[in-house]
Amino acid sequence: MVSPTRPVAVFENTNEPSAPPARVETRMADPVAVPGQNAIALRVLVVDDHLDAADALAAVLDVYGYPARACHDGAEALVAAAEFGPHVCLLDLMMPNMDGLELARRLREQAGGRPLVLVAVTSLGDIEALTWTALGGFHAHLIKPVDARTLISTLNRVGRVFARPGGPTA
């Protein structure tokens, strides 16, 4: 028996932090890819102050063919992003010292106009949290615990955007 996946909030958003989302929709996850066979090897940065959660999420991504790095705070994430050049950042919202919204702002600034997809991965699923992430420039909002199918489905949608002609390939 297949268990149902969690709904995913997907924002049609620009990388402008002040721009409200054009549309927010909630839908079930798309079919998931086979491990190791994603459409494009998106580099993914996972940031969560819970060490096991970040490391486990990065390990799942590696199994599915997404090069991933796990970080455990905002400062570490900024250094890793400069070295790793992620296409996608999975950010916990509630972290000490630098929350996910501030980290998102700094990552966008550091990217200097390079396309960067921001996905909130948080235990917060109320309308206030969805509003925070939408207005904060996030492209999707996933609620913990995130199952592999939902996560990979979200990355598959992102991958299709990156694989378009003229989209980033490096």
N, C-alpha and C. Protein backbone atom coordinates (compact mmCIF):
# COMPACT_ATOMS: atom_id res chain seq x y z
N MET A 1 0.84 -1.18 0.00
CA MET A 1 0.00 0.00 0.00
C MET A 1 0.88 1.24 0.00
N VAL A 2 0.54 2.20 -0.80
CA VAL A 2 1.30 3.44 -0.89
C VAL A 2 0.70 4.44 0.08
N SER A 3 1.57 5.03 0.91
CA SER A 3 1.06 6.03 1.84
C SER A 3 0.96 7.37 1.13
N PRO A 4 -0.04 8.17 1.48
CA PRO A 4 -0.19 9.48 0.83
C PRO A 4 0.97 10.39 1.20
N THR A 5 1.31 11.27 0.29
CA THR A 5 2.37 12.24 0.58
C THR A 5 1.74 13.49 1.16
N ARG A 6 2.58 14.28 1.79
CA ARG A 6 2.11 15.53 2.37
C ARG A 6 1.93 16.56 1.27
N PRO A 7 0.99 17.49 1.45
CA PRO A 7 0.87 18.57 0.48
C PRO A 7 2.11 19.45 0.52
N VAL A 8 2.40 20.08 -0.58
CA VAL A 8 3.55 20.97 -0.71
C VAL A 8 3.03 22.35 -1.08
N ALA A 9 3.48 23.37 -0.36
CA ALA A 9 3.14 24.74 -0.75
C ALA A 9 4.19 25.19 -1.74
N VAL A 10 3.75 25.55 -2.92
CA VAL A 10 4.67 25.99 -3.98
C VAL A 10 4.33 27.43 -4.30
N PHE A 11 5.34 28.28 -4.26
CA PHE A 11 5.14 29.70 -4.54
C PHE A 11 5.68 30.01 -5.91
N GLU A 12 4.92 30.75 -6.70
CA GLU A 12 5.48 31.34 -7.92
C GLU A 12 6.07 32.65 -7.45
N ASN A 13 7.38 32.69 -7.34
CA ASN A 13 8.03 33.81 -6.69
C ASN A 13 9.25 34.24 -7.48
N THR A 14 9.63 35.47 -7.34
CA THR A 14 10.89 35.95 -7.90
C THR A 14 11.92 35.89 -6.79
N ASN A 15 13.16 36.18 -7.10
CA ASN A 15 14.18 36.22 -6.07
C ASN A 15 14.17 37.56 -5.34
N GLU A 16 13.19 38.40 -5.62
CA GLU A 16 13.09 39.69 -4.94
C GLU A 16 12.44 39.46 -3.58
N PRO A 17 13.14 39.76 -2.48
CA PRO A 17 12.58 39.48 -1.16
C PRO A 17 11.33 40.29 -0.85
N SER A 18 11.15 41.44 -1.47
CA SER A 18 9.99 42.27 -1.17
C SER A 18 8.80 41.97 -2.06
N ALA A 19 8.99 41.16 -3.09
CA ALA A 19 7.90 40.87 -4.03
C ALA A 19 6.96 39.82 -3.44
N PRO A 20 5.66 40.11 -3.37
CA PRO A 20 4.73 39.09 -2.91
C PRO A 20 4.62 37.99 -3.95
N PRO A 21 4.32 36.77 -3.53
CA PRO A 21 4.20 35.70 -4.51
C PRO A 21 3.05 35.97 -5.47
N ALA A 22 3.26 35.61 -6.72
CA ALA A 22 2.21 35.78 -7.72
C ALA A 22 1.07 34.80 -7.45
N ARG A 23 1.42 33.64 -6.90
CA ARG A 23 0.41 32.62 -6.66
C ARG A 23 0.97 31.63 -5.65
N VAL A 24 0.14 31.15 -4.77
CA VAL A 24 0.51 30.09 -3.84
C VAL A 24 -0.46 28.96 -4.08
N GLU A 25 0.08 27.76 -4.25
CA GLU A 25 -0.81 26.63 -4.44
C GLU A 25 -0.33 25.49 -3.57
N THR A 26 -1.27 24.67 -3.15
CA THR A 26 -0.94 23.48 -2.39
C THR A 26 -1.36 22.30 -3.24
N ARG A 27 -0.45 21.36 -3.39
CA ARG A 27 -0.76 20.19 -4.20
C ARG A 27 0.01 18.99 -3.67
N MET A 28 -0.42 17.84 -4.09
CA MET A 28 0.29 16.63 -3.69
C MET A 28 1.55 16.52 -4.54
N ALA A 29 2.51 15.82 -4.02
CA ALA A 29 3.79 15.68 -4.71
C ALA A 29 3.63 14.92 -6.02
N ASP A 30 4.48 15.28 -6.99
CA ASP A 30 4.53 14.58 -8.27
C ASP A 30 5.18 13.21 -8.08
N PRO A 31 5.07 12.32 -9.08
CA PRO A 31 5.78 11.05 -8.99
C PRO A 31 7.28 11.29 -8.80
N VAL A 32 7.89 10.42 -8.06
CA VAL A 32 9.29 10.61 -7.70
C VAL A 32 10.23 9.88 -8.65
N ALA A 33 11.43 10.37 -8.77
CA ALA A 33 12.44 9.77 -9.64
C ALA A 33 13.03 8.52 -9.00
N VAL A 34 13.69 7.74 -9.82
CA VAL A 34 14.42 6.57 -9.36
C VAL A 34 15.71 7.04 -8.70
N PRO A 35 16.11 6.44 -7.57
CA PRO A 35 17.36 6.86 -6.94
C PRO A 35 18.52 6.91 -7.94
N GLY A 36 19.29 7.99 -7.86
CA GLY A 36 20.47 8.15 -8.70
C GLY A 36 20.20 8.63 -10.10
N GLN A 37 18.93 8.90 -10.46
CA GLN A 37 18.62 9.26 -11.85
C GLN A 37 17.81 10.55 -11.94
N ASN A 38 18.34 11.63 -11.39
CA ASN A 38 17.64 12.90 -11.52
C ASN A 38 17.96 13.53 -12.87
N ALA A 39 17.10 14.45 -13.31
CA ALA A 39 17.24 15.06 -14.63
C ALA A 39 18.50 15.92 -14.74
N ILE A 40 18.84 16.63 -13.69
CA ILE A 40 20.02 17.48 -13.68
C ILE A 40 20.59 17.42 -12.27
N ALA A 41 21.89 17.37 -12.16
CA ALA A 41 22.54 17.21 -10.85
C ALA A 41 22.55 18.54 -10.10
N LEU A 42 21.41 18.93 -9.61
CA LEU A 42 21.32 20.15 -8.83
C LEU A 42 22.12 20.00 -7.54
N ARG A 43 22.94 20.98 -7.25
CA ARG A 43 23.67 20.99 -5.98
C ARG A 43 22.73 21.55 -4.92
N VAL A 44 22.64 20.83 -3.80
CA VAL A 44 21.68 21.20 -2.76
C VAL A 44 22.41 21.43 -1.44
N LEU A 45 22.15 22.57 -0.83
CA LEU A 45 22.67 22.89 0.49
C LEU A 45 21.53 22.70 1.49
N VAL A 46 21.77 21.87 2.51
CA VAL A 46 20.78 21.59 3.55
C VAL A 46 21.25 22.27 4.83
N VAL A 47 20.40 23.11 5.41
CA VAL A 47 20.77 23.82 6.62
C VAL A 47 19.71 23.59 7.69
N ASP A 48 20.14 22.94 8.77
CA ASP A 48 19.25 22.66 9.90
C ASP A 48 20.11 22.56 11.15
N ASP A 49 19.68 23.20 12.23
CA ASP A 49 20.46 23.15 13.47
C ASP A 49 20.37 21.80 14.16
N HIS A 50 19.47 20.94 13.74
CA HIS A 50 19.43 19.57 14.24
C HIS A 50 20.36 18.74 13.35
N LEU A 51 21.50 18.39 13.89
CA LEU A 51 22.56 17.75 13.12
C LEU A 51 22.08 16.50 12.39
N ASP A 52 21.38 15.63 13.11
CA ASP A 52 20.92 14.38 12.49
C ASP A 52 19.95 14.65 11.34
N ALA A 53 19.08 15.63 11.51
CA ALA A 53 18.10 15.95 10.45
C ALA A 53 18.81 16.44 9.19
N ALA A 54 19.76 17.35 9.36
CA ALA A 54 20.49 17.89 8.20
C ALA A 54 21.29 16.79 7.51
N ASP A 55 21.99 16.00 8.30
CA ASP A 55 22.83 14.94 7.73
C ASP A 55 21.99 13.87 7.03
N ALA A 56 20.86 13.51 7.63
CA ALA A 56 19.99 12.49 7.02
C ALA A 56 19.40 12.99 5.71
N LEU A 57 18.96 14.25 5.69
CA LEU A 57 18.40 14.82 4.46
C LEU A 57 19.44 14.86 3.35
N ALA A 58 20.66 15.26 3.69
CA ALA A 58 21.75 15.29 2.70
C ALA A 58 22.05 13.88 2.19
N ALA A 59 22.00 12.89 3.07
CA ALA A 59 22.26 11.50 2.66
C ALA A 59 21.18 11.01 1.70
N VAL A 60 19.92 11.33 1.96
CA VAL A 60 18.82 10.95 1.06
C VAL A 60 19.03 11.59 -0.31
N LEU A 61 19.40 12.85 -0.31
CA LEU A 61 19.64 13.55 -1.58
C LEU A 61 20.76 12.89 -2.37
N ASP A 62 21.83 12.52 -1.69
CA ASP A 62 22.94 11.84 -2.36
C ASP A 62 22.49 10.54 -3.01
N VAL A 63 21.64 9.78 -2.32
CA VAL A 63 21.12 8.52 -2.87
C VAL A 63 20.36 8.78 -4.17
N TYR A 64 19.64 9.89 -4.24
CA TYR A 64 18.86 10.23 -5.43
C TYR A 64 19.67 10.98 -6.48
N GLY A 65 20.96 11.10 -6.28
CA GLY A 65 21.82 11.70 -7.30
C GLY A 65 21.98 13.20 -7.22
N TYR A 66 21.58 13.79 -6.11
CA TYR A 66 21.75 15.23 -5.92
C TYR A 66 22.96 15.47 -5.02
N PRO A 67 24.03 16.07 -5.54
CA PRO A 67 25.16 16.40 -4.67
C PRO A 67 24.67 17.34 -3.57
N ALA A 68 24.91 16.96 -2.31
CA ALA A 68 24.37 17.73 -1.19
C ALA A 68 25.42 17.95 -0.12
N ARG A 69 25.29 19.07 0.56
CA ARG A 69 26.11 19.37 1.73
C ARG A 69 25.19 19.76 2.87
N ALA A 70 25.51 19.27 4.05
CA ALA A 70 24.74 19.61 5.25
C ALA A 70 25.50 20.63 6.08
N CYS A 71 24.79 21.62 6.56
CA CYS A 71 25.34 22.63 7.47
C CYS A 71 24.39 22.74 8.66
N HIS A 72 24.94 23.23 9.77
CA HIS A 72 24.15 23.22 10.99
C HIS A 72 23.87 24.60 11.56
N ASP A 73 24.32 25.65 10.88
CA ASP A 73 23.95 27.01 11.28
C ASP A 73 24.18 27.95 10.10
N GLY A 74 23.70 29.17 10.25
CA GLY A 74 23.76 30.13 9.16
C GLY A 74 25.16 30.50 8.73
N ALA A 75 26.04 30.72 9.70
CA ALA A 75 27.41 31.12 9.36
C ALA A 75 28.11 30.03 8.56
N GLU A 76 27.96 28.79 8.99
CA GLU A 76 28.55 27.65 8.27
C GLU A 76 27.95 27.55 6.86
N ALA A 77 26.66 27.81 6.74
CA ALA A 77 25.99 27.72 5.44
C ALA A 77 26.51 28.76 4.47
N LEU A 78 26.77 29.97 4.94
CA LEU A 78 27.29 31.02 4.06
C LEU A 78 28.66 30.66 3.51
N VAL A 79 29.51 30.08 4.34
CA VAL A 79 30.84 29.64 3.89
C VAL A 79 30.69 28.50 2.88
N ALA A 80 29.85 27.51 3.21
CA ALA A 80 29.65 26.37 2.32
C ALA A 80 29.06 26.80 0.99
N ALA A 81 28.13 27.74 1.01
CA ALA A 81 27.50 28.20 -0.23
C ALA A 81 28.52 28.88 -1.14
N ALA A 82 29.44 29.63 -0.55
CA ALA A 82 30.47 30.30 -1.36
C ALA A 82 31.37 29.27 -2.04
N GLU A 83 31.66 28.17 -1.37
CA GLU A 83 32.53 27.12 -1.91
C GLU A 83 31.79 26.18 -2.86
N PHE A 84 30.56 25.82 -2.51
CA PHE A 84 29.80 24.76 -3.16
C PHE A 84 28.93 25.26 -4.32
N GLY A 85 28.49 26.51 -4.26
CA GLY A 85 27.64 27.07 -5.31
C GLY A 85 26.35 26.32 -5.51
N PRO A 86 25.52 26.20 -4.47
CA PRO A 86 24.29 25.40 -4.62
C PRO A 86 23.29 26.04 -5.58
N HIS A 87 22.50 25.17 -6.22
CA HIS A 87 21.36 25.62 -7.02
C HIS A 87 20.13 25.80 -6.12
N VAL A 88 20.06 24.94 -5.09
CA VAL A 88 18.91 24.90 -4.19
C VAL A 88 19.40 24.90 -2.75
N CYS A 89 18.71 25.66 -1.90
CA CYS A 89 19.00 25.65 -0.46
C CYS A 89 17.75 25.23 0.29
N LEU A 90 17.87 24.18 1.09
CA LEU A 90 16.79 23.71 1.95
C LEU A 90 17.08 24.28 3.34
N LEU A 91 16.26 25.19 3.80
CA LEU A 91 16.55 25.93 5.03
C LEU A 91 15.49 25.71 6.10
N ASP A 92 15.97 25.34 7.29
CA ASP A 92 15.11 25.35 8.46
C ASP A 92 14.85 26.81 8.82
N LEU A 93 13.67 27.12 9.29
CA LEU A 93 13.37 28.51 9.63
C LEU A 93 13.82 28.88 11.03
N MET A 94 13.66 27.95 11.97
CA MET A 94 13.92 28.25 13.38
C MET A 94 15.30 27.73 13.79
N MET A 95 16.29 28.59 13.66
CA MET A 95 17.66 28.25 14.06
C MET A 95 18.20 29.36 14.95
N PRO A 96 19.09 29.02 15.89
CA PRO A 96 19.67 30.05 16.74
C PRO A 96 20.66 30.92 15.95
N ASN A 97 20.91 32.10 16.44
CA ASN A 97 21.87 33.06 15.89
C ASN A 97 21.42 33.69 14.57
N MET A 98 21.01 32.89 13.60
CA MET A 98 20.54 33.41 12.32
C MET A 98 19.40 32.51 11.86
N ASP A 99 18.19 33.06 11.80
CA ASP A 99 17.06 32.23 11.39
C ASP A 99 17.06 32.03 9.87
N GLY A 100 16.20 31.16 9.41
CA GLY A 100 16.16 30.82 7.99
C GLY A 100 15.82 31.98 7.08
N LEU A 101 15.02 32.92 7.55
CA LEU A 101 14.66 34.08 6.73
C LEU A 101 15.87 34.99 6.52
N GLU A 102 16.62 35.23 7.59
CA GLU A 102 17.83 36.06 7.46
C GLU A 102 18.87 35.34 6.61
N LEU A 103 19.02 34.04 6.82
CA LEU A 103 19.97 33.26 6.02
C LEU A 103 19.58 33.32 4.55
N ALA A 104 18.31 33.20 4.24
CA ALA A 104 17.85 33.27 2.85
C ALA A 104 18.23 34.61 2.22
N ARG A 105 18.02 35.68 2.96
CA ARG A 105 18.37 37.01 2.46
C ARG A 105 19.86 37.10 2.16
N ARG A 106 20.68 36.60 3.07
CA ARG A 106 22.14 36.66 2.89
C ARG A 106 22.62 35.75 1.75
N LEU A 107 21.99 34.59 1.62
CA LEU A 107 22.37 33.68 0.52
C LEU A 107 22.05 34.30 -0.83
N ARG A 108 20.88 34.94 -0.95
CA ARG A 108 20.52 35.61 -2.21
C ARG A 108 21.51 36.73 -2.51
N GLU A 109 21.83 37.50 -1.49
CA GLU A 109 22.79 38.60 -1.66
C GLU A 109 24.15 38.05 -2.10
N GLN A 110 24.59 36.99 -1.46
CA GLN A 110 25.88 36.37 -1.77
C GLN A 110 25.89 35.78 -3.18
N ALA A 111 24.74 35.29 -3.64
CA ALA A 111 24.66 34.68 -4.98
C ALA A 111 24.85 35.72 -6.08
N GLY A 112 24.64 36.98 -5.76
CA GLY A 112 24.90 38.06 -6.72
C GLY A 112 24.15 37.95 -8.02
N GLY A 113 22.90 37.55 -7.97
CA GLY A 113 22.10 37.46 -9.20
C GLY A 113 22.08 36.07 -9.83
N ARG A 114 22.96 35.16 -9.38
CA ARG A 114 22.93 33.78 -9.87
C ARG A 114 21.63 33.14 -9.38
N PRO A 115 20.95 32.38 -10.22
CA PRO A 115 19.69 31.75 -9.79
C PRO A 115 19.90 30.88 -8.56
N LEU A 116 19.01 31.03 -7.61
CA LEU A 116 19.08 30.28 -6.36
C LEU A 116 17.66 29.99 -5.92
N VAL A 117 17.35 28.72 -5.72
CA VAL A 117 16.02 28.32 -5.28
C VAL A 117 16.07 28.07 -3.78
N LEU A 118 15.12 28.67 -3.08
CA LEU A 118 15.05 28.55 -1.63
C LEU A 118 13.81 27.76 -1.25
N VAL A 119 14.02 26.72 -0.44
CA VAL A 119 12.93 25.87 0.02
C VAL A 119 12.97 25.85 1.55
N ALA A 120 11.88 26.27 2.18
CA ALA A 120 11.78 26.18 3.63
C ALA A 120 11.46 24.74 3.99
N VAL A 121 12.20 24.20 4.96
CA VAL A 121 11.94 22.87 5.50
C VAL A 121 11.80 23.07 7.00
N THR A 122 10.56 23.05 7.48
CA THR A 122 10.29 23.50 8.84
C THR A 122 9.12 22.74 9.45
N SER A 123 9.05 22.78 10.76
CA SER A 123 7.90 22.19 11.45
C SER A 123 6.71 23.15 11.46
N LEU A 124 6.94 24.38 11.02
CA LEU A 124 5.88 25.40 11.01
C LEU A 124 5.05 25.30 9.74
N GLY A 125 3.76 25.06 9.89
CA GLY A 125 2.91 24.91 8.72
C GLY A 125 1.68 25.79 8.74
N ASP A 126 1.62 26.73 9.67
CA ASP A 126 0.45 27.60 9.74
C ASP A 126 0.53 28.71 8.69
N ILE A 127 -0.55 29.44 8.54
CA ILE A 127 -0.62 30.47 7.51
C ILE A 127 0.42 31.56 7.74
N GLU A 128 0.73 31.84 8.98
CA GLU A 128 1.75 32.86 9.28
C GLU A 128 3.12 32.42 8.74
N ALA A 129 3.48 31.17 8.96
CA ALA A 129 4.77 30.67 8.46
C ALA A 129 4.79 30.65 6.93
N LEU A 130 3.69 30.24 6.31
CA LEU A 130 3.62 30.25 4.85
C LEU A 130 3.77 31.67 4.31
N THR A 131 3.18 32.62 5.00
CA THR A 131 3.30 34.02 4.60
C THR A 131 4.74 34.50 4.74
N TRP A 132 5.38 34.16 5.87
CA TRP A 132 6.79 34.54 6.08
C TRP A 132 7.65 34.05 4.92
N THR A 133 7.50 32.78 4.58
CA THR A 133 8.37 32.22 3.55
C THR A 133 8.05 32.78 2.17
N ALA A 134 6.78 32.97 1.88
CA ALA A 134 6.41 33.53 0.58
C ALA A 134 6.96 34.95 0.43
N LEU A 135 6.76 35.77 1.44
CA LEU A 135 7.25 37.14 1.38
C LEU A 135 8.77 37.21 1.52
N GLY A 136 9.36 36.18 2.11
CA GLY A 136 10.82 36.13 2.26
C GLY A 136 11.53 35.62 1.02
N GLY A 137 10.79 35.36 -0.06
CA GLY A 137 11.41 34.96 -1.32
C GLY A 137 11.61 33.47 -1.50
N PHE A 138 11.03 32.65 -0.62
CA PHE A 138 11.16 31.21 -0.77
C PHE A 138 10.28 30.75 -1.93
N HIS A 139 10.70 29.66 -2.56
CA HIS A 139 9.99 29.10 -3.71
C HIS A 139 9.07 27.95 -3.33
N ALA A 140 9.31 27.33 -2.18
CA ALA A 140 8.46 26.24 -1.70
C ALA A 140 8.58 26.17 -0.19
N HIS A 141 7.61 25.53 0.43
CA HIS A 141 7.54 25.39 1.88
C HIS A 141 7.18 23.95 2.18
N LEU A 142 8.10 23.19 2.74
CA LEU A 142 7.87 21.79 3.09
C LEU A 142 7.78 21.68 4.61
N ILE A 143 6.85 20.86 5.08
CA ILE A 143 6.63 20.71 6.51
C ILE A 143 7.28 19.41 6.99
N LYS A 144 8.07 19.53 8.06
CA LYS A 144 8.73 18.37 8.66
C LYS A 144 7.70 17.49 9.34
N PRO A 145 7.91 16.20 9.37
CA PRO A 145 9.00 15.50 8.69
C PRO A 145 8.69 15.40 7.19
N VAL A 146 9.70 15.66 6.39
CA VAL A 146 9.56 15.62 4.94
C VAL A 146 9.89 14.21 4.47
N ASP A 147 8.96 13.60 3.74
CA ASP A 147 9.27 12.28 3.21
C ASP A 147 10.07 12.43 1.92
N ALA A 148 10.81 11.41 1.57
CA ALA A 148 11.70 11.45 0.41
C ALA A 148 10.92 11.74 -0.87
N ARG A 149 9.74 11.17 -1.00
CA ARG A 149 8.95 11.37 -2.23
C ARG A 149 8.61 12.84 -2.44
N THR A 150 8.18 13.51 -1.39
CA THR A 150 7.83 14.93 -1.48
C THR A 150 9.06 15.76 -1.78
N LEU A 151 10.15 15.47 -1.11
CA LEU A 151 11.39 16.22 -1.31
C LEU A 151 11.89 16.08 -2.74
N ILE A 152 11.98 14.85 -3.23
CA ILE A 152 12.51 14.62 -4.57
C ILE A 152 11.56 15.17 -5.63
N SER A 153 10.26 15.08 -5.38
CA SER A 153 9.29 15.67 -6.30
C SER A 153 9.50 17.18 -6.42
N THR A 154 9.72 17.83 -5.30
CA THR A 154 9.98 19.28 -5.31
C THR A 154 11.25 19.58 -6.09
N LEU A 155 12.30 18.81 -5.88
CA LEU A 155 13.55 19.02 -6.61
C LEU A 155 13.40 18.71 -8.10
N ASN A 156 12.56 17.73 -8.44
CA ASN A 156 12.31 17.44 -9.85
C ASN A 156 11.68 18.64 -10.55
N ARG A 157 10.73 19.30 -9.88
CA ARG A 157 10.12 20.50 -10.47
C ARG A 157 11.17 21.59 -10.64
N VAL A 158 12.01 21.77 -9.65
CA VAL A 158 13.09 22.76 -9.74
C VAL A 158 14.03 22.39 -10.88
N GLY A 159 14.36 21.11 -11.00
CA GLY A 159 15.27 20.64 -12.04
C GLY A 159 14.76 20.93 -13.43
N ARG A 160 13.45 20.82 -13.63
CA ARG A 160 12.87 21.13 -14.94
C ARG A 160 13.08 22.60 -15.29
N VAL A 161 13.01 23.47 -14.31
CA VAL A 161 13.25 24.90 -14.55
C VAL A 161 14.71 25.13 -14.90
N PHE A 162 15.62 24.49 -14.17
CA PHE A 162 17.05 24.67 -14.42
C PHE A 162 17.48 24.05 -15.74
N ALA A 163 16.75 23.04 -16.22
CA ALA A 163 17.12 22.36 -17.46
C ALA A 163 16.59 23.07 -18.71
N ARG A 164 15.76 24.08 -18.55
CA ARG A 164 15.22 24.81 -19.71
C ARG A 164 16.35 25.49 -20.47
N PRO A 165 16.16 25.70 -21.78
CA PRO A 165 17.17 26.44 -22.54
C PRO A 165 17.42 27.81 -21.91
N GLY A 166 18.67 28.12 -21.75
CA GLY A 166 19.04 29.39 -21.13
C GLY A 166 19.10 29.31 -19.62
N GLY A 167 18.65 28.18 -19.04
CA GLY A 167 18.71 28.01 -17.58
C GLY A 167 20.12 27.64 -17.16
N PRO A 168 20.42 27.77 -15.89
CA PRO A 168 21.76 27.44 -15.43
C PRO A 168 22.05 25.95 -15.58
N THR A 169 23.22 25.62 -16.03
CA THR A 169 23.61 24.22 -16.21
C THR A 169 24.87 23.88 -15.44
N ALA A 170 25.55 24.85 -14.90
CA ALA A 170 26.80 24.57 -14.18
C ALA A 170 26.56 24.59 -12.69
